[in-house]
Each structure stands twice: as C-alpha cells, then as structure tokens.
Amino acid sequence: MPDAPSGMSSKAQRGNEPYERVTSWHRLPKDFLHDQKAIWLFPGQLAKGRHWVPTLAVTGVTAGLIVADPHAMPYFRSHKGNLDDINDVFNSYLTTAEVIAVPASLMVAGYARHDDYQVDTAMLAGEAYADSAIVDLAIKAVTRRQRPSDVPPGAPFTNTFFHGGQSPFRGSSFPSGHAAGVFSVATVVASRYRHHAWVPWLAYGFATAISFSRVTTLSHFPSDVFLGAALGYTISRYQVLIPR
C-alpha cells in the first residue's frame, strides 16, 4: 500500500488541504447525510447559474451515446462468444467483490500499520460508494431501462427505456451501478494518493476495465456506463472529498 503524502502526518494538517478530508466512524453517518442533501439539492445550484458547463457536457455526451447505443450493441452481441474467457473474469459478482475489496484492504492495512490517512481513505471510499449507489438506484427506479442481455436475439436495441424490470436491483440498466461504484472508489484513492504517480493510473485503469466489461458482457449500454462513471467521479471529487 502507498504511504501517506509527506507532511500529512497530523489530522489537523491534512484537514486543511484540498481533497485531504479527515473522518471517523462517529462522523461517517452525519457526513453521508450531508452528502445526500447536497447531491439532491444540486438543481438549486444550477438555478443559481453554477456548474452549467460540466452538467451540459455530461448530459450532452450521455444523450449522444444513447442515440449511438442501438448501433454499437449489435457488434458486442455478435462478438460476445469471442470474449467469454475475459467476461468470466468480469462477471457481476466478481467485479462487485473486487471493487469492495479496495476500501476493505485499505482499511485492514491502515489499522495494521496504524496509518490514519489510509484508514480515512478507506472510509471515504466507502462513503463515496454508498453515495453513488443511492443516486444510481434512484435513477434506475425512474428510467427502468431494459438491459442489452434482455433484448431478444435479432431484435433491435431500441425503445429500451421504461421497459425494464420493476426492481432497480435487477432489471434496470441506466446508469451502470458498477461503473458508478468503481469510479467513486477509484477517484477517492487516486485523489488522495495523487503524489504517487502510478496510483491514479492504476486506479482509473482498474475502473475503466471493469466499466468496459459491463458493455462486453451485455449487462449495460455504453451510455449507462458513461453516466455511471461520471456520477461516481463527480460525487467523489466534488462532494465526498471536499474538506468539512
């Protein structure tokens, strides 16, 4: 595990640095509720004229990918058999375990090494994962998009919104919960260990591989994955990691 950045030995010092939030088990529930309040009140920020450029960028790319989805997915459906060996490594349960293993291993190693910075990173990664999961499930419950794997063979990948299962836990595709979760964790780790040049590359590479696998396994459309990744990144970077 990478060591904490130099000069960050005390919690008081770290709390004043960008993206160097400090936390504790006692503060975590309150911080989570604080995050959720800020996330769901975000439209109020737009009403005040803030954050329009990134919001329009994410919305525009997502919309463009939704239009492109029906043209891209036939390729992945026809080549799915060629990717079976790779897809077995990235099945839903295994990738979920891999994502959860990141903060879990940081937590264990942090306590073993008496490294408060590492323990805080693990807790913040867990907080970010939970924040992104709530938003993801709420959007899924509204959009109820059919998964690519549920589209009958030979049928077009069109009119998929509002045709998925009633449960956001199973039948709804938009956005990708795996992409949201892995990018939320990767962003926390990459931001807090940015002083180690290899960490952001490894974290975001890991997140990209898992996210892309959701398309090759026909679990999600490219637009699902992009919006999930965008949610995970923005929630972590601009909400969870902000010093309190």
Foldseek 3Di string as FASTA:
>chain_A
DDAFDPPPQDQVVQLVDFLSAADDPVCLVVLLVVLLVCVVCVVVCVVVVPPPVVVCVLVVVLVVLVVCQLVPQVVLVVCLVVCVVVLVCQDPVNLVVVLLVVLVVLCVVCVVVVPSSSNRLSSLLVSLLVNLLVVQQVVQQQFQFAFQVPADPPDTRPPRTPPFDNGSVPTGPAAPSSLLSLLLSLLSQCVRVVVPVVSNVVSVVSSVSNLVSCSSNSRYTPSNNSSSNVNSNCSNNPRSSGRD
